[in-house]
Amino acid sequence: MSITVLIVDDEENARQNISEYLTPLGYEVLGAATLAEAREFLKRGDGDVVLLDVSLPDGYGPSLLYETENIPMRPPIIIITAHGDIDMAVDAMKNGAHDFLTKPIQLSQLEASIQRAFEGVRMRRELAHFRESQKSNLNFVRGNNPDVLNMLEVAQKAAQAQVSVLITGETGVGKDILAQYIHISGPRANKPYIAINCAAIQSTVLESELFGYEAGAFTSAEKRKHGLMEVADGGILFLDEISSMPLDIQAKLLRAIEENAFRRVGGTTLIKVDVQLLAASNRNLKEMIAKEEFRQDLYYRLKVVDLHLPALRDRKEDIPELVGYFVRERNGKMGHNVENVSPRAMEALKKYDWPGNIRELSHAIEHAILFSDGKTIDLPDLPADIANQK
């Protein structure tokens, strides 16, 4: 991978000497004699690593550190000076400088510093690529429905703010996929993402799953177990179907959220954690609160941001795009080469009411691919309740 080095120095000989040393080694070298020129390069995204002189004709070189502080992919900056001012060096390092070198520069030392700086650049790029590839792997199609598009904008803000989110919607609308979307859209993308379906775990077991337990806490507890909240430390814990959580565990969860800490079952040590909590429910939690089946204080603590996923019958304009996604996905998994959907098949898909939502659509496309004879899904290939609609 080629590395572009931006040299910001008003001395032409200094820029030329560094360029003549780096270019044969495979580096691409750019030169700027002023801060203004450097700013123009950085605006265009030119320069993987910046070599920055302290004294420049139009200002103090390290001021570029402050100006670029909030750039998400700010290139690492190596300060170069003839003065060797230790106080200035310390200040520059505190404000984000990667390294500090004094003139006359040892060129081999400079190259080593550039290589160390670029390791961080490469890591950020690979992480960004991973996040984008993860996004493309999620079967969360944006579509054209304005409610969904607005909801995704709010989801991205919630991801960046790292606040608690309550996701509501019918079974099969993709609440778990939205939770994963929040994970990879925020600063915790490379941290743990732990999901638990509260409805699938016995109430007597759910507490120990969430908080863990100490050896001897109960008869079968032979050794310490780390709970999912502890495993998710630094990342995200997704509680699916939280409406199934018993009231006594709701109270313990609320305390853990408010204190950012909990105790394992049978333990006395307070364990501090940093967890962003996402929760989902297909039931109306306000109605459950009225029936005293769900804690009101936990409800408001969870819904710092409230995201509602509409049913598929309310976003039928997105069906063609969803069908296209599922055809591409299932083709690869099933070894088929379906390329199209006939007009009458698509009309049936758009007419159907989809009580099972996107999950049902996914299964319907899998069924259609399995029974299609060629490259086109036709009406007879669809499940009978879709194909035989009146």
Protein backbone atom coordinates (compact mmCIF):
# COMPACT_ATOMS: atom_id res chain seq x y z
CA MET A 1 0.00 0.00 0.00
CA SER A 2 1.45 3.36 -1.06
CA ILE A 3 1.93 5.96 1.68
CA THR A 4 1.51 9.65 0.84
CA VAL A 5 3.61 11.99 2.98
CA LEU A 6 2.76 15.70 3.15
CA ILE A 7 5.80 17.83 4.04
CA VAL A 8 4.86 21.25 5.47
CA ASP A 9 8.08 23.28 5.57
CA ASP A 10 8.92 26.70 4.09
CA GLU A 11 12.50 25.62 3.34
CA GLU A 12 12.56 24.22 -0.18
CA ASN A 13 15.88 22.42 0.38
CA ALA A 14 14.46 20.62 3.43
CA ARG A 15 11.40 19.47 1.45
CA GLN A 16 13.58 18.36 -1.45
CA ASN A 17 16.03 16.41 0.73
CA ILE A 18 13.24 14.50 2.45
CA SER A 19 11.48 13.88 -0.86
CA GLU A 20 14.65 12.56 -2.50
CA TYR A 21 15.10 10.14 0.39
CA LEU A 22 11.51 8.89 0.60
CA THR A 23 10.53 8.68 -3.06
CA PRO A 24 12.94 5.82 -4.01
CA LEU A 25 11.58 3.91 -1.00
CA GLY A 26 8.09 3.91 -2.57
CA TYR A 27 6.51 6.89 -0.78
CA GLU A 28 4.44 9.51 -2.57
CA VAL A 29 5.58 12.95 -1.41
CA LEU A 30 3.65 16.24 -1.45
CA GLY A 31 5.07 19.61 -0.41
CA ALA A 32 3.52 22.70 1.19
CA ALA A 33 5.42 25.86 2.10
CA THR A 34 2.66 27.41 4.22
CA LEU A 35 -0.17 26.47 6.54
CA ALA A 36 -2.64 27.69 3.91
CA GLU A 37 -1.25 25.24 1.35
CA ALA A 38 -1.31 22.45 3.94
CA ARG A 39 -4.96 23.16 4.70
CA GLU A 40 -5.85 22.82 1.02
CA PHE A 41 -4.12 19.43 0.79
CA LEU A 42 -5.91 18.21 3.93
CA LYS A 43 -9.30 19.44 2.69
CA ARG A 44 -8.85 17.21 -0.35
CA GLY A 45 -7.85 14.29 1.84
CA ASP A 46 -4.25 14.31 0.53
CA GLY A 47 -1.59 13.09 2.93
CA ASP A 48 -1.57 9.89 4.94
CA VAL A 49 1.15 11.26 7.24
CA VAL A 50 2.07 14.93 7.78
CA LEU A 51 5.59 16.22 8.52
CA LEU A 52 5.00 19.65 10.06
CA ASP A 53 7.57 22.38 10.67
CA VAL A 54 7.02 24.65 13.68
CA SER A 55 7.85 28.05 12.19
CA LEU A 56 5.98 28.86 8.99
CA PRO A 57 5.53 32.16 7.13
CA ASP A 58 1.80 32.38 7.85
CA GLY A 59 1.63 31.01 11.38
CA TYR A 60 2.60 28.57 14.11
CA GLY A 61 2.81 25.05 12.63
CA PRO A 62 1.36 23.09 15.57
CA SER A 63 -1.82 25.19 15.32
CA LEU A 64 -2.74 22.68 12.61
CA LEU A 65 -3.18 20.15 15.43
CA TYR A 66 -6.01 22.21 16.92
CA GLU A 67 -7.60 22.92 13.53
CA THR A 68 -7.76 19.25 12.60
CA GLU A 69 -8.65 17.91 16.05
CA ASN A 70 -12.20 16.89 15.12
CA ILE A 71 -11.48 15.42 11.69
CA PRO A 72 -12.57 11.75 11.99
CA MET A 73 -9.65 10.41 9.92
CA ARG A 74 -7.06 13.07 10.80
CA PRO A 75 -3.66 11.99 9.49
CA PRO A 76 -0.94 11.51 12.11
CA ILE A 77 1.26 14.61 12.40
CA ILE A 78 5.01 14.48 13.07
CA ILE A 79 6.36 17.80 14.38
CA ILE A 80 9.76 18.90 13.07
CA THR A 81 11.70 21.82 14.56
CA ALA A 82 15.20 23.20 14.72
CA HIS A 83 14.73 24.45 18.26
CA GLY A 84 14.26 21.30 20.28
CA ASP A 85 11.86 23.06 22.63
CA ILE A 86 10.84 20.37 25.15
CA ASP A 87 7.83 22.29 26.51
CA MET A 88 6.50 22.82 23.01
CA ALA A 89 7.08 19.15 22.21
CA VAL A 90 5.13 18.03 25.29
CA ASP A 91 2.28 20.40 24.41
CA ALA A 92 2.19 19.13 20.82
CA MET A 93 2.09 15.50 21.94
CA LYS A 94 -0.75 16.27 24.35
CA ASN A 95 -2.71 17.78 21.48
CA GLY A 96 -2.40 14.80 19.20
CA ALA A 97 1.03 14.94 17.56
CA HIS A 98 2.26 11.46 16.70
CA ASP A 99 5.97 12.18 17.15
CA PHE A 100 8.51 14.99 17.59
CA LEU A 101 11.79 15.19 15.69
CA THR A 102 14.53 17.84 15.78
CA LYS A 103 16.67 19.18 12.94
CA PRO A 104 19.01 18.10 11.51
CA ILE A 105 16.75 15.11 10.82
CA GLN A 106 18.11 11.59 10.82
CA LEU A 107 16.36 10.30 7.71
CA SER A 108 16.31 6.67 8.85
CA GLN A 109 14.73 7.82 12.12
CA LEU A 110 12.18 9.84 10.16
CA GLU A 111 11.18 6.85 8.04
CA ALA A 112 10.75 4.70 11.14
CA SER A 113 8.47 7.38 12.63
CA ILE A 114 6.42 7.52 9.40
CA GLN A 115 6.02 3.75 9.41
CA ARG A 116 4.81 3.76 13.03
CA ALA A 117 2.38 6.56 12.21
CA PHE A 118 1.01 4.72 9.21
CA GLU A 119 0.28 1.61 11.27
CA GLY A 120 -2.45 3.62 12.99
CA VAL A 121 -3.75 4.86 9.62
CA ARG A 122 -3.91 1.31 8.28
CA MET A 123 -5.77 0.11 11.37
CA ARG A 124 -8.39 2.88 11.08
CA ARG A 125 -8.88 2.15 7.39
CA GLU A 126 -9.28 -1.56 7.98
CA LEU A 127 -11.78 -0.91 10.77
CA ALA A 128 -13.75 1.49 8.56
CA HIS A 129 -13.74 -1.11 5.77
CA PHE A 130 -14.89 -3.77 8.25
CA ARG A 131 -17.74 -1.58 9.44
CA GLU A 132 -18.88 -0.88 5.90
CA SER A 133 -18.65 -4.54 4.92
CA GLN A 134 -20.64 -5.45 8.03
CA LYS A 135 -23.29 -2.93 7.03
CA SER A 136 -23.55 -4.47 3.60
CA ASN A 137 -23.91 -7.91 5.17
CA LEU A 138 -26.86 -6.88 7.30
CA ASN A 139 -30.22 -7.67 5.73
CA PHE A 140 -31.51 -4.24 6.72
CA VAL A 141 -32.66 -2.65 3.48
CA ARG A 142 -33.14 1.09 3.72
CA GLY A 143 -35.77 1.23 1.01
CA ASN A 144 -37.77 4.39 0.31
CA ASN A 145 -40.30 4.50 3.12
CA PRO A 146 -39.93 7.95 4.76
CA ASP A 147 -40.69 6.63 8.25
CA VAL A 148 -37.92 4.04 7.98
CA LEU A 149 -35.43 6.53 6.53
CA ASN A 150 -36.15 9.03 9.33
CA MET A 151 -35.88 6.26 11.89
CA LEU A 152 -32.45 5.24 10.56
CA GLU A 153 -31.18 8.82 10.91
CA VAL A 154 -32.27 8.81 14.55
CA ALA A 155 -30.67 5.37 15.02
CA GLN A 156 -27.32 6.68 13.78
CA LYS A 157 -27.48 9.63 16.20
CA ALA A 158 -28.31 7.27 19.05
CA ALA A 159 -25.36 5.06 18.06
CA GLN A 160 -22.97 8.01 18.13
CA ALA A 161 -24.37 9.28 21.45
CA GLN A 162 -24.15 5.76 22.96
CA VAL A 163 -27.49 6.10 24.74
CA SER A 164 -30.08 3.49 25.65
CA VAL A 165 -32.51 2.63 22.85
CA LEU A 166 -35.92 0.95 22.92
CA ILE A 167 -36.86 -0.73 19.64
CA THR A 168 -40.51 -1.63 19.11
CA GLY A 169 -42.39 -3.34 16.32
CA GLU A 170 -44.23 -6.52 15.39
CA THR A 171 -42.55 -9.92 15.27
CA GLY A 172 -40.39 -10.30 12.17
CA VAL A 173 -39.88 -6.62 11.31
CA GLY A 174 -36.12 -6.80 11.94
CA LYS A 175 -35.61 -5.39 15.45
CA ASP A 176 -32.49 -7.52 15.96
CA ILE A 177 -31.07 -6.32 12.64
CA LEU A 178 -31.67 -2.71 13.64
CA ALA A 179 -29.85 -3.36 16.92
CA GLN A 180 -26.85 -4.68 14.97
CA TYR A 181 -27.06 -1.63 12.69
CA ILE A 182 -26.77 0.63 15.75
CA HIS A 183 -23.77 -1.36 16.95
CA ILE A 184 -21.76 -1.01 13.75
CA SER A 185 -22.80 2.64 13.24
CA GLY A 186 -21.28 3.94 16.47
CA PRO A 187 -17.96 4.16 18.32
CA ARG A 188 -18.55 0.74 19.92
CA ALA A 189 -18.44 -1.05 16.56
CA ASN A 190 -15.23 -2.91 17.41
CA LYS A 191 -16.41 -3.71 20.93
CA PRO A 192 -18.53 -6.67 22.06
CA TYR A 193 -22.12 -7.01 20.85
CA ILE A 194 -24.01 -9.42 23.10
CA ALA A 195 -27.63 -10.36 22.40
CA ILE A 196 -30.01 -12.29 24.63
CA ASN A 197 -33.64 -13.26 23.98
CA CYS A 198 -35.38 -12.81 27.31
CA ALA A 199 -38.38 -14.86 26.13
CA ALA A 200 -36.22 -17.88 25.35
CA ILE A 201 -34.69 -18.19 28.83
CA GLN A 202 -36.43 -19.44 31.96
CA SER A 203 -37.02 -16.68 34.48
CA THR A 204 -35.06 -18.60 37.12
CA VAL A 205 -32.02 -18.67 34.82
CA LEU A 206 -32.25 -15.17 33.35
CA GLU A 207 -30.71 -13.41 36.36
CA SER A 208 -27.58 -15.55 36.35
CA GLU A 209 -27.32 -15.18 32.55
CA LEU A 210 -27.36 -11.41 32.87
CA PHE A 211 -25.25 -10.93 35.97
CA GLY A 212 -23.34 -14.20 36.37
CA TYR A 213 -22.79 -15.97 39.65
CA GLU A 214 -20.10 -16.89 42.15
CA ALA A 215 -19.01 -20.44 42.89
CA GLY A 216 -21.33 -21.93 45.50
CA ALA A 217 -24.13 -19.43 44.84
CA PHE A 218 -26.46 -22.39 44.38
CA THR A 219 -26.18 -26.17 44.19
CA SER A 220 -24.91 -26.50 40.62
CA ALA A 221 -22.66 -23.42 40.71
CA GLU A 222 -19.33 -25.20 40.85
CA LYS A 223 -17.28 -22.26 39.54
CA ARG A 224 -17.68 -18.56 38.85
CA LYS A 225 -19.68 -17.58 35.74
CA HIS A 226 -19.37 -14.19 34.05
CA GLY A 227 -22.75 -12.72 33.14
CA LEU A 228 -23.56 -11.21 29.77
CA MET A 229 -23.52 -7.69 31.15
CA GLU A 230 -19.93 -8.25 32.21
CA VAL A 231 -19.01 -9.86 28.88
CA ALA A 232 -20.49 -6.84 27.07
CA ASP A 233 -18.37 -4.35 29.04
CA GLY A 234 -17.28 -1.54 26.71
CA GLY A 235 -19.77 -2.64 24.06
CA ILE A 236 -23.49 -3.22 23.62
CA LEU A 237 -25.98 -5.52 25.33
CA PHE A 238 -29.16 -6.19 23.33
CA LEU A 239 -32.13 -7.45 25.34
CA ASP A 240 -34.64 -8.85 22.86
CA GLU A 241 -38.26 -9.31 23.98
CA ILE A 242 -37.60 -7.49 27.23
CA SER A 243 -41.35 -7.59 27.94
CA SER A 244 -40.80 -11.21 29.03
CA MET A 245 -38.42 -10.18 31.84
CA PRO A 246 -39.85 -10.82 35.35
CA LEU A 247 -40.46 -7.76 37.55
CA ASP A 248 -37.84 -8.69 40.14
CA ILE A 249 -35.12 -8.92 37.47
CA GLN A 250 -36.38 -5.67 35.94
CA ALA A 251 -35.65 -3.99 39.27
CA LYS A 252 -32.10 -5.40 39.36
CA LEU A 253 -31.52 -4.39 35.74
CA LEU A 254 -32.68 -0.84 36.47
CA ARG A 255 -30.28 -0.59 39.41
CA ALA A 256 -27.42 -1.89 37.26
CA ILE A 257 -28.18 0.67 34.52
CA GLU A 258 -28.37 3.58 36.95
CA GLU A 259 -25.19 2.63 38.83
CA ASN A 260 -23.25 1.19 35.86
CA ALA A 261 -22.49 -1.64 38.24
CA PHE A 262 -23.92 -4.91 39.58
CA ARG A 263 -23.13 -7.88 41.79
CA ARG A 264 -22.99 -11.46 40.61
CA VAL A 265 -25.55 -13.83 42.10
CA GLY A 266 -24.12 -14.92 45.44
CA GLY A 267 -21.43 -12.22 45.29
CA THR A 268 -20.66 -9.11 47.33
CA THR A 269 -18.17 -7.36 45.03
CA LEU A 270 -19.57 -4.48 43.01
CA ILE A 271 -18.54 -4.87 39.35
CA LYS A 272 -18.35 -1.63 37.36
CA VAL A 273 -19.26 -1.84 33.65
CA ASP A 274 -19.68 0.50 30.69
CA VAL A 275 -22.49 -0.92 28.58
CA GLN A 276 -24.80 0.67 26.02
CA LEU A 277 -28.19 -1.00 26.41
CA LEU A 278 -30.53 -1.75 23.54
CA ALA A 279 -33.90 -3.38 24.21
CA ALA A 280 -36.68 -4.61 21.95
CA SER A 281 -40.30 -5.55 22.41
CA ASN A 282 -43.18 -6.67 20.18
CA ARG A 283 -45.67 -5.95 22.96
CA ASN A 284 -47.10 -2.59 24.04
CA LEU A 285 -45.06 -1.76 27.14
CA LYS A 286 -47.31 1.14 28.15
CA GLU A 287 -50.25 -1.26 28.36
CA MET A 288 -48.09 -3.62 30.40
CA ILE A 289 -47.19 -0.75 32.76
CA ALA A 290 -50.90 -0.01 33.28
CA LYS A 291 -51.38 -3.68 34.21
CA GLU A 292 -48.30 -3.52 36.50
CA GLU A 293 -46.55 -6.11 34.33
CA PHE A 294 -43.64 -3.84 33.44
CA ARG A 295 -41.82 -1.24 35.52
CA GLN A 296 -42.49 2.35 34.46
CA ASP A 297 -39.11 3.59 35.73
CA LEU A 298 -37.26 0.96 33.67
CA TYR A 299 -39.37 1.82 30.62
CA TYR A 300 -38.34 5.48 30.70
CA ARG A 301 -34.74 4.57 31.47
CA LEU A 302 -34.61 2.35 28.38
CA LYS A 303 -36.32 4.71 25.96
CA VAL A 304 -33.83 7.55 25.90
CA VAL A 305 -34.36 7.02 22.18
CA ASP A 306 -37.50 5.23 20.98
CA LEU A 307 -37.35 3.57 17.55
CA HIS A 308 -40.42 1.98 15.97
CA LEU A 309 -40.08 -0.33 12.99
CA PRO A 310 -43.22 -0.29 10.82
CA ALA A 311 -44.83 -3.52 9.66
CA LEU A 312 -44.07 -4.65 6.12
CA ARG A 313 -47.69 -4.05 5.08
CA ASP A 314 -47.06 -0.35 5.89
CA ARG A 315 -43.93 -0.11 3.73
CA LYS A 316 -44.89 -2.10 0.63
CA GLU A 317 -42.98 0.32 -1.58
CA ASP A 318 -39.82 -1.37 -0.20
CA ILE A 319 -40.85 -4.91 -1.21
CA PRO A 320 -39.06 -4.92 -4.61
CA GLU A 321 -35.78 -3.85 -2.98
CA LEU A 322 -36.18 -6.38 -0.18
CA VAL A 323 -36.95 -9.12 -2.70
CA GLY A 324 -33.83 -8.19 -4.66
CA TYR A 325 -31.71 -8.43 -1.53
CA PHE A 326 -33.10 -11.83 -0.51
CA VAL A 327 -32.73 -13.23 -4.04
CA ARG A 328 -29.04 -12.25 -4.11
CA GLU A 329 -28.45 -13.60 -0.61
CA ARG A 330 -30.26 -16.92 -1.13
CA ASN A 331 -28.72 -17.47 -4.59
CA GLY A 332 -25.29 -17.73 -3.04
CA LYS A 333 -26.37 -19.97 -0.20
CA MET A 334 -28.54 -22.30 -2.31
CA GLY A 335 -26.36 -22.50 -5.41
CA HIS A 336 -29.03 -21.03 -7.71
CA ASN A 337 -28.81 -18.28 -10.29
CA VAL A 338 -32.17 -16.53 -10.16
CA GLU A 339 -31.96 -13.13 -11.85
CA ASN A 340 -35.51 -11.87 -12.05
CA VAL A 341 -39.06 -11.95 -10.67
CA SER A 342 -41.97 -12.01 -13.10
CA PRO A 343 -44.43 -9.09 -13.00
CA ARG A 344 -47.30 -11.29 -11.79
CA ALA A 345 -45.14 -12.77 -9.02
CA MET A 346 -44.06 -9.31 -7.91
CA GLU A 347 -47.66 -8.11 -7.96
CA ALA A 348 -48.65 -11.01 -5.69
CA LEU A 349 -45.80 -10.21 -3.31
CA LYS A 350 -46.88 -6.57 -3.11
CA LYS A 351 -50.56 -7.49 -2.67
CA TYR A 352 -49.98 -9.93 0.21
CA ASP A 353 -50.50 -8.63 3.76
CA TRP A 354 -47.34 -10.18 5.34
CA PRO A 355 -48.46 -11.05 8.89
CA GLY A 356 -44.95 -12.46 9.48
CA ASN A 357 -43.34 -9.28 8.09
CA ILE A 358 -39.82 -9.29 6.63
CA ARG A 359 -39.00 -12.66 8.14
CA GLU A 360 -41.92 -14.22 6.26
CA LEU A 361 -40.84 -12.49 3.04
CA SER A 362 -37.35 -13.94 3.44
CA HIS A 363 -38.75 -17.46 3.79
CA ALA A 364 -41.10 -16.90 0.83
CA ILE A 365 -38.20 -15.96 -1.44
CA GLU A 366 -36.21 -18.96 -0.25
CA HIS A 367 -39.20 -21.18 -1.11
CA ALA A 368 -39.56 -19.54 -4.54
CA ILE A 369 -35.89 -19.99 -5.41
CA LEU A 370 -36.05 -23.63 -4.39
CA PHE A 371 -39.00 -24.33 -6.74
CA SER A 372 -38.06 -22.08 -9.66
CA ASP A 373 -36.93 -23.93 -12.78
CA GLY A 374 -34.90 -21.19 -14.41
CA LYS A 375 -33.61 -17.69 -13.81
CA THR A 376 -36.99 -16.10 -13.09
CA ILE A 377 -39.28 -16.52 -10.09
CA ASP A 378 -42.85 -16.88 -11.35
CA LEU A 379 -46.20 -16.96 -9.57
CA PRO A 380 -46.38 -20.78 -9.17
CA ASP A 381 -42.99 -20.73 -7.42
CA LEU A 382 -44.33 -18.70 -4.51
CA PRO A 383 -45.88 -20.29 -1.39
CA ALA A 384 -49.53 -21.21 -1.95
CA ASP A 385 -51.05 -18.61 0.38
CA ILE A 386 -49.29 -15.87 -1.60
CA ALA A 387 -49.74 -17.32 -5.09
CA ASN A 388 -53.45 -18.17 -4.62
CA GLN A 389 -54.67 -14.84 -3.26
CA LYS A 390 -58.11 -13.74 -4.42
